[in-house]
N, C-alpha and C. Protein backbone atom coordinates (compact mmCIF):
# COMPACT_ATOMS: atom_id res chain seq x y z
N MET A 1 255.20 71.10 -63.40
CA MET A 1 256.26 70.13 -63.23
C MET A 1 257.39 70.39 -64.24
N LYS A 2 257.03 70.95 -65.38
CA LYS A 2 258.05 71.25 -66.41
C LYS A 2 259.01 72.32 -65.90
N ILE A 3 258.49 73.24 -65.11
CA ILE A 3 259.34 74.31 -64.57
C ILE A 3 260.41 73.70 -63.66
N LEU A 4 259.99 72.78 -62.81
CA LEU A 4 260.92 72.13 -61.89
C LEU A 4 261.93 71.28 -62.66
N ALA A 5 261.48 70.59 -63.70
CA ALA A 5 262.40 69.77 -64.50
C ALA A 5 263.42 70.65 -65.21
N TYR A 6 262.99 71.78 -65.74
CA TYR A 6 263.90 72.69 -66.43
C TYR A 6 264.92 73.27 -65.44
N TRP A 7 264.43 73.68 -64.27
CA TRP A 7 265.31 74.21 -63.24
C TRP A 7 266.34 73.15 -62.83
N GLY A 8 265.88 71.93 -62.63
CA GLY A 8 266.78 70.85 -62.25
C GLY A 8 267.83 70.55 -63.31
N ALA A 9 267.40 70.55 -64.56
CA ALA A 9 268.34 70.30 -65.66
C ALA A 9 269.40 71.39 -65.74
N ARG A 10 268.98 72.63 -65.61
CA ARG A 10 269.95 73.74 -65.68
C ARG A 10 270.90 73.72 -64.49
N THR A 11 270.36 73.39 -63.31
CA THR A 11 271.22 73.30 -62.13
C THR A 11 272.22 72.16 -62.28
N GLY A 12 271.77 71.03 -62.81
CA GLY A 12 272.68 69.90 -63.04
C GLY A 12 273.78 70.25 -64.03
N ILE A 13 273.43 70.95 -65.08
CA ILE A 13 274.44 71.37 -66.07
C ILE A 13 275.45 72.31 -65.40
N PHE A 14 274.95 73.24 -64.59
CA PHE A 14 275.84 74.17 -63.91
C PHE A 14 276.81 73.43 -62.99
N LEU A 15 276.27 72.51 -62.20
CA LEU A 15 277.13 71.76 -61.28
C LEU A 15 278.15 70.90 -62.02
N ALA A 16 277.75 70.35 -63.17
CA ALA A 16 278.69 69.57 -63.97
C ALA A 16 279.82 70.45 -64.50
N VAL A 17 279.48 71.65 -64.96
CA VAL A 17 280.50 72.57 -65.47
C VAL A 17 281.43 73.00 -64.34
N VAL A 18 280.85 73.28 -63.16
CA VAL A 18 281.69 73.64 -62.01
C VAL A 18 282.63 72.49 -61.68
N GLY A 19 282.13 71.25 -61.72
CA GLY A 19 282.98 70.09 -61.46
C GLY A 19 284.11 69.95 -62.45
N VAL A 20 283.81 70.16 -63.71
CA VAL A 20 284.86 70.06 -64.74
C VAL A 20 285.90 71.15 -64.54
N LEU A 21 285.45 72.36 -64.25
CA LEU A 21 286.41 73.45 -64.03
C LEU A 21 287.24 73.20 -62.76
N TYR A 22 286.66 72.58 -61.76
CA TYR A 22 287.40 72.23 -60.55
C TYR A 22 288.49 71.20 -60.86
N LEU A 23 288.13 70.22 -61.70
CA LEU A 23 289.12 69.20 -62.08
C LEU A 23 290.26 69.78 -62.91
N VAL A 24 289.93 70.82 -63.68
CA VAL A 24 290.94 71.47 -64.51
C VAL A 24 291.87 72.33 -63.64
N GLY A 25 291.40 72.75 -62.49
CA GLY A 25 292.25 73.53 -61.60
C GLY A 25 291.78 74.94 -61.35
N TRP A 26 290.56 75.27 -61.76
CA TRP A 26 290.02 76.60 -61.50
C TRP A 26 289.29 76.55 -60.16
N PHE A 27 289.71 77.40 -59.20
CA PHE A 27 289.11 77.38 -57.88
C PHE A 27 288.59 78.75 -57.43
N ASP A 28 288.71 79.75 -58.24
CA ASP A 28 288.37 81.10 -57.80
C ASP A 28 286.99 81.54 -58.31
N ILE A 29 286.68 82.80 -58.07
CA ILE A 29 285.38 83.35 -58.46
C ILE A 29 285.24 83.40 -59.98
N ILE A 30 286.32 83.54 -60.69
CA ILE A 30 286.27 83.53 -62.15
C ILE A 30 285.76 82.19 -62.65
N ALA A 31 286.11 81.10 -61.99
CA ALA A 31 285.60 79.77 -62.37
C ALA A 31 284.10 79.71 -62.18
N PHE A 32 283.61 80.30 -61.11
CA PHE A 32 282.17 80.32 -60.86
C PHE A 32 281.44 81.12 -61.94
N ILE A 33 281.97 82.27 -62.29
CA ILE A 33 281.36 83.10 -63.34
C ILE A 33 281.43 82.40 -64.69
N ALA A 34 282.58 81.80 -64.99
CA ALA A 34 282.72 81.06 -66.25
C ALA A 34 281.75 79.88 -66.29
N ALA A 35 281.60 79.19 -65.17
CA ALA A 35 280.66 78.06 -65.12
C ALA A 35 279.24 78.54 -65.34
N PHE A 36 278.89 79.68 -64.78
CA PHE A 36 277.55 80.24 -64.97
C PHE A 36 277.29 80.54 -66.46
N ILE A 37 278.24 81.16 -67.10
CA ILE A 37 278.08 81.52 -68.52
C ILE A 37 278.06 80.26 -69.40
N LEU A 38 278.98 79.35 -69.14
CA LEU A 38 279.02 78.12 -69.94
C LEU A 38 277.76 77.27 -69.73
N ALA A 39 277.29 77.17 -68.50
CA ALA A 39 276.08 76.40 -68.23
C ALA A 39 274.87 77.03 -68.90
N TRP A 40 274.81 78.36 -68.89
CA TRP A 40 273.70 79.04 -69.57
C TRP A 40 273.73 78.73 -71.06
N LEU A 41 274.90 78.82 -71.66
CA LEU A 41 275.04 78.54 -73.09
C LEU A 41 274.68 77.10 -73.42
N ILE A 42 275.19 76.16 -72.64
CA ILE A 42 274.90 74.75 -72.88
C ILE A 42 273.41 74.46 -72.72
N SER A 43 272.81 74.99 -71.66
CA SER A 43 271.38 74.73 -71.44
C SER A 43 270.53 75.39 -72.54
N TYR A 44 270.96 76.55 -73.00
CA TYR A 44 270.23 77.22 -74.08
C TYR A 44 270.26 76.39 -75.36
N LEU A 45 271.39 75.77 -75.63
CA LEU A 45 271.53 74.97 -76.85
C LEU A 45 270.90 73.59 -76.73
N LEU A 46 270.96 72.98 -75.55
CA LEU A 46 270.51 71.60 -75.40
C LEU A 46 269.06 71.45 -74.94
N LEU A 47 268.45 72.49 -74.39
CA LEU A 47 267.12 72.34 -73.79
C LEU A 47 266.06 73.28 -74.38
N PRO A 48 266.00 73.46 -75.69
CA PRO A 48 265.01 74.42 -76.20
C PRO A 48 263.57 73.95 -75.99
N GLY A 49 263.31 72.66 -76.15
CA GLY A 49 261.94 72.16 -75.98
C GLY A 49 261.49 72.26 -74.54
N LEU A 50 262.35 71.89 -73.62
CA LEU A 50 262.01 71.96 -72.20
C LEU A 50 261.83 73.41 -71.76
N ARG A 51 262.65 74.31 -72.29
CA ARG A 51 262.53 75.74 -71.98
C ARG A 51 261.19 76.28 -72.46
N ARG A 52 260.78 75.89 -73.65
CA ARG A 52 259.51 76.34 -74.21
C ARG A 52 258.33 75.83 -73.38
N GLU A 53 258.37 74.54 -73.02
CA GLU A 53 257.30 73.95 -72.22
C GLU A 53 257.23 74.59 -70.83
N ALA A 54 258.39 74.85 -70.23
CA ALA A 54 258.42 75.50 -68.92
C ALA A 54 257.87 76.92 -69.02
N GLY A 55 258.19 77.61 -70.09
CA GLY A 55 257.66 78.96 -70.30
C GLY A 55 256.15 78.97 -70.43
N LEU A 56 255.62 78.00 -71.18
CA LEU A 56 254.17 77.92 -71.33
C LEU A 56 253.49 77.60 -70.00
N GLN A 57 254.10 76.70 -69.23
CA GLN A 57 253.53 76.38 -67.93
C GLN A 57 253.59 77.60 -67.01
N MET A 58 254.68 78.34 -67.06
CA MET A 58 254.81 79.53 -66.23
C MET A 58 253.77 80.59 -66.62
N GLU A 59 253.49 80.74 -67.91
CA GLU A 59 252.45 81.67 -68.34
C GLU A 59 251.11 81.28 -67.76
N GLY A 60 250.81 79.97 -67.74
CA GLY A 60 249.57 79.50 -67.15
C GLY A 60 249.49 79.79 -65.67
N VAL A 61 250.60 79.61 -64.97
CA VAL A 61 250.64 79.89 -63.53
C VAL A 61 250.40 81.38 -63.28
N ILE A 62 251.04 82.22 -64.06
CA ILE A 62 250.88 83.67 -63.90
C ILE A 62 249.45 84.08 -64.22
N ASP A 63 248.86 83.55 -65.28
CA ASP A 63 247.48 83.88 -65.63
C ASP A 63 246.52 83.48 -64.52
N ARG A 64 246.72 82.29 -63.96
CA ARG A 64 245.83 81.85 -62.86
C ARG A 64 246.01 82.70 -61.62
N SER A 65 247.24 83.11 -61.34
CA SER A 65 247.48 83.90 -60.14
C SER A 65 246.91 85.31 -60.28
N GLN A 66 246.83 85.82 -61.49
CA GLN A 66 246.30 87.17 -61.71
C GLN A 66 244.80 87.18 -61.98
N LYS A 67 244.19 86.01 -62.10
CA LYS A 67 242.76 85.93 -62.38
C LYS A 67 241.94 86.61 -61.29
N GLY A 68 242.28 86.38 -60.03
CA GLY A 68 241.56 87.00 -58.92
C GLY A 68 241.68 88.51 -58.95
N ILE A 69 242.86 89.00 -59.29
CA ILE A 69 243.06 90.45 -59.37
C ILE A 69 242.21 91.05 -60.49
N ARG A 70 242.19 90.38 -61.65
CA ARG A 70 241.37 90.87 -62.76
C ARG A 70 239.89 90.83 -62.41
N ASP A 71 239.44 89.78 -61.72
CA ASP A 71 238.04 89.69 -61.32
C ASP A 71 237.67 90.82 -60.37
N LEU A 72 238.54 91.12 -59.40
CA LEU A 72 238.27 92.21 -58.47
C LEU A 72 238.27 93.55 -59.19
N ASP A 73 239.17 93.74 -60.15
CA ASP A 73 239.18 94.98 -60.92
C ASP A 73 237.90 95.14 -61.73
N ASP A 74 237.43 94.05 -62.34
CA ASP A 74 236.19 94.10 -63.10
C ASP A 74 235.01 94.44 -62.20
N GLU A 75 234.99 93.85 -61.00
CA GLU A 75 233.91 94.13 -60.06
C GLU A 75 233.95 95.58 -59.61
N GLU A 76 235.14 96.09 -59.35
CA GLU A 76 235.28 97.49 -58.95
C GLU A 76 234.85 98.44 -60.07
N ASP A 77 235.22 98.10 -61.30
CA ASP A 77 234.80 98.93 -62.44
C ASP A 77 233.29 98.92 -62.60
N ALA A 78 232.67 97.76 -62.41
CA ALA A 78 231.21 97.67 -62.52
C ALA A 78 230.54 98.50 -61.44
N GLU A 79 231.08 98.47 -60.23
CA GLU A 79 230.51 99.28 -59.15
C GLU A 79 230.69 100.77 -59.44
N ALA A 80 231.83 101.15 -60.00
CA ALA A 80 232.07 102.55 -60.33
C ALA A 80 231.12 103.01 -61.43
N ASP A 81 230.85 102.14 -62.40
CA ASP A 81 229.91 102.50 -63.46
C ASP A 81 228.51 102.69 -62.91
N LYS A 82 228.11 101.84 -61.97
CA LYS A 82 226.79 101.97 -61.36
C LYS A 82 226.66 103.26 -60.58
N SER A 83 227.70 103.64 -59.84
CA SER A 83 227.64 104.86 -59.02
C SER A 83 227.63 106.10 -59.89
N ASN A 84 228.21 106.05 -61.08
CA ASN A 84 228.21 107.21 -61.97
C ASN A 84 226.85 107.42 -62.62
N ASP A 85 226.00 106.40 -62.68
CA ASP A 85 224.70 106.53 -63.31
C ASP A 85 223.65 107.12 -62.37
N LYS A 86 223.92 107.19 -61.07
CA LYS A 86 222.96 107.71 -60.09
C LYS A 86 222.97 109.23 -60.13
N PRO A 87 221.80 109.82 -59.98
CA PRO A 87 221.77 111.29 -59.95
C PRO A 87 222.33 111.82 -58.63
N ASP A 88 222.89 113.02 -58.67
CA ASP A 88 223.35 113.69 -57.47
C ASP A 88 222.15 114.12 -56.64
N PRO A 89 222.35 114.43 -55.36
CA PRO A 89 221.22 114.84 -54.52
C PRO A 89 220.46 116.05 -55.05
N ASP A 90 221.10 116.89 -55.85
CA ASP A 90 220.38 118.07 -56.37
C ASP A 90 219.59 117.76 -57.64
N GLY A 91 219.62 116.48 -58.06
CA GLY A 91 218.80 116.07 -59.21
C GLY A 91 219.54 116.01 -60.52
N THR A 92 220.79 116.46 -60.57
CA THR A 92 221.53 116.42 -61.82
C THR A 92 222.26 115.09 -61.94
N VAL A 93 222.50 114.69 -63.17
CA VAL A 93 223.22 113.46 -63.43
C VAL A 93 224.67 113.80 -63.67
N ARG A 94 225.60 113.07 -62.98
CA ARG A 94 227.03 113.32 -63.15
C ARG A 94 227.53 112.65 -64.43
N LEU A 95 228.29 113.37 -65.20
CA LEU A 95 228.93 112.82 -66.41
C LEU A 95 230.43 113.01 -66.28
N ASP A 96 231.06 112.16 -65.50
CA ASP A 96 232.52 112.28 -65.28
C ASP A 96 233.27 111.80 -66.46
């Protein structure tokens, strides 16, 4: 939920900056780029705690999403280790 709150706050700041630039009389693509840069700077300065919490939550989401991949890799490695311990049909043991 922190990720969504951070995204919403940054989007709100961006829209506010776009609105202010519109009122000032900037209507072109330069206003959009300036609003993007100004909103990034403002959000960076005003939202450090929310950014940190959103980052921690995102790390948790990424870890959970990769857990299945890590489990499958571990299972595959265990199977590969078992197959390397079996002797070849001619009676020799493979040491790869």
